[in-house]
Amino acid sequence: MKYRKKPVVIEAFQYDGDLIYS
């Protein structure tokens, strides 16, 4: 999983638009 903005897993799940699942 690579995050564009938030490197925090819990936070990242809330930012689906900025999430990239690799």
PDB file of N, CA and C in Angstrom:
ATOM      1  N   MET A   1       0.834  -1.199   0.000  1.00  0.00           N
ATOM      2  CA  MET A   1       0.000   0.000   0.000  1.00  0.00           C
ATOM      3  C   MET A   1       0.875   1.257   0.000  1.00  0.00           C
ATOM      4  N   LYS A   2       0.591   2.168  -0.903  1.00  0.00           N
ATOM      5  CA  LYS A   2       1.355   3.423  -0.940  1.00  0.00           C
ATOM      6  C   LYS A   2       0.390   4.595  -0.788  1.00  0.00           C
ATOM      7  N   TYR A   3       0.735   5.495   0.110  1.00  0.00           N
ATOM      8  CA  TYR A   3      -0.152   6.617   0.378  1.00  0.00           C
ATOM      9  C   TYR A   3       0.428   7.903  -0.190  1.00  0.00           C
ATOM     10  N   ARG A   4      -0.404   8.695  -0.840  1.00  0.00           N
ATOM     11  CA  ARG A   4       0.054   9.951  -1.426  1.00  0.00           C
ATOM     12  C   ARG A   4       0.273  11.005  -0.345  1.00  0.00           C
ATOM     13  N   LYS A   5      -0.673  11.104   0.584  1.00  0.00           N
ATOM     14  CA  LYS A   5      -0.602  12.160   1.591  1.00  0.00           C
ATOM     15  C   LYS A   5      -0.302  11.598   2.969  1.00  0.00           C
ATOM     16  N   LYS A   6      -1.270  10.886   3.533  1.00  0.00           N
ATOM     17  CA  LYS A   6      -1.120  10.390   4.902  1.00  0.00           C
ATOM     18  C   LYS A   6      -0.455   9.020   4.924  1.00  0.00           C
ATOM     19  N   PRO A   7       0.711   8.906   5.561  1.00  0.00           N
ATOM     20  CA  PRO A   7       1.409   7.639   5.683  1.00  0.00           C
ATOM     21  C   PRO A   7       0.823   6.776   6.794  1.00  0.00           C
ATOM     22  N   VAL A   8      -0.186   7.284   7.464  1.00  0.00           N
ATOM     23  CA  VAL A   8      -0.803   6.559   8.571  1.00  0.00           C
ATOM     24  C   VAL A   8      -1.892   5.644   8.035  1.00  0.00           C
ATOM     25  N   VAL A   9      -1.826   4.377   8.416  1.00  0.00           N
ATOM     26  CA  VAL A   9      -2.770   3.378   7.908  1.00  0.00           C
ATOM     27  C   VAL A   9      -4.205   3.736   8.276  1.00  0.00           C
ATOM     28  N   ILE A  10      -4.440   4.030   9.549  1.00  0.00           N
ATOM     29  CA  ILE A  10      -5.789   4.335  10.026  1.00  0.00           C
ATOM     30  C   ILE A  10      -6.328   5.587   9.337  1.00  0.00           C
ATOM     31  N   GLU A  11      -5.479   6.597   9.205  1.00  0.00           N
ATOM     32  CA  GLU A  11      -5.877   7.840   8.555  1.00  0.00           C
ATOM     33  C   GLU A  11      -6.120   7.602   7.074  1.00  0.00           C
ATOM     34  N   ALA A  12      -5.280   6.757   6.495  1.00  0.00           N
ATOM     35  CA  ALA A  12      -5.304   6.522   5.059  1.00  0.00           C
ATOM     36  C   ALA A  12      -6.628   5.903   4.608  1.00  0.00           C
ATOM     37  N   PHE A  13      -7.179   5.021   5.420  1.00  0.00           N
ATOM     38  CA  PHE A  13      -8.435   4.368   5.065  1.00  0.00           C
ATOM     39  C   PHE A  13      -9.566   5.382   4.937  1.00  0.00           C
ATOM     40  N   GLN A  14      -9.418   6.525   5.605  1.00  0.00           N
ATOM     41  CA  GLN A  14     -10.440   7.564   5.547  1.00  0.00           C
ATOM     42  C   GLN A  14     -10.276   8.408   4.288  1.00  0.00           C
ATOM     43  N   TYR A  15      -9.065   8.367   3.698  1.00  0.00           N
ATOM     44  CA  TYR A  15      -8.803   9.142   2.493  1.00  0.00           C
ATOM     45  C   TYR A  15      -8.756   8.212   1.287  1.00  0.00           C
ATOM     46  N   ASP A  16      -9.914   7.720   0.882  1.00  0.00           N
ATOM     47  CA  ASP A  16      -9.973   6.782  -0.244  1.00  0.00           C
ATOM     48  C   ASP A  16      -9.538   7.457  -1.548  1.00  0.00           C
ATOM     49  N   GLY A  17      -9.859   8.735  -1.694  1.00  0.00           N
ATOM     50  CA  GLY A  17      -9.538   9.457  -2.925  1.00  0.00           C
ATOM     51  C   GLY A  17      -8.045   9.616  -3.116  1.00  0.00           C
ATOM     52  N   ASP A  18      -7.295   9.633  -2.009  1.00  0.00           N
ATOM     53  CA  ASP A  18      -5.853   9.842  -2.095  1.00  0.00           C
ATOM     54  C   ASP A  18      -5.096   8.541  -1.884  1.00  0.00           C
ATOM     55  N   LEU A  19      -5.831   7.437  -1.888  1.00  0.00           N
ATOM     56  CA  LEU A  19      -5.196   6.148  -1.617  1.00  0.00           C
ATOM     57  C   LEU A  19      -4.871   5.388  -2.889  1.00  0.00           C
ATOM     58  N   ILE A  20      -3.708   4.759  -2.891  1.00  0.00           N
ATOM     59  CA  ILE A  20      -3.341   3.877  -4.005  1.00  0.00           C
ATOM     60  C   ILE A  20      -2.976   2.508  -3.441  1.00  0.00           C
ATOM     61  N   TYR A  21      -3.745   1.495  -3.815  1.00  0.00           N
ATOM     62  CA  TYR A  21      -3.451   0.147  -3.325  1.00  0.00           C
ATOM     63  C   TYR A  21      -2.611  -0.590  -4.346  1.00  0.00           C
ATOM     64  N   SER A  22      -1.386  -0.880  -3.960  1.00  0.00           N
ATOM     65  CA  SER A  22      -0.490  -1.577  -4.885  1.00  0.00           C
ATOM     66  C   SER A  22      -0.296  -3.014  -4.414  1.00  0.00           C
TER      67      SER A  22
END
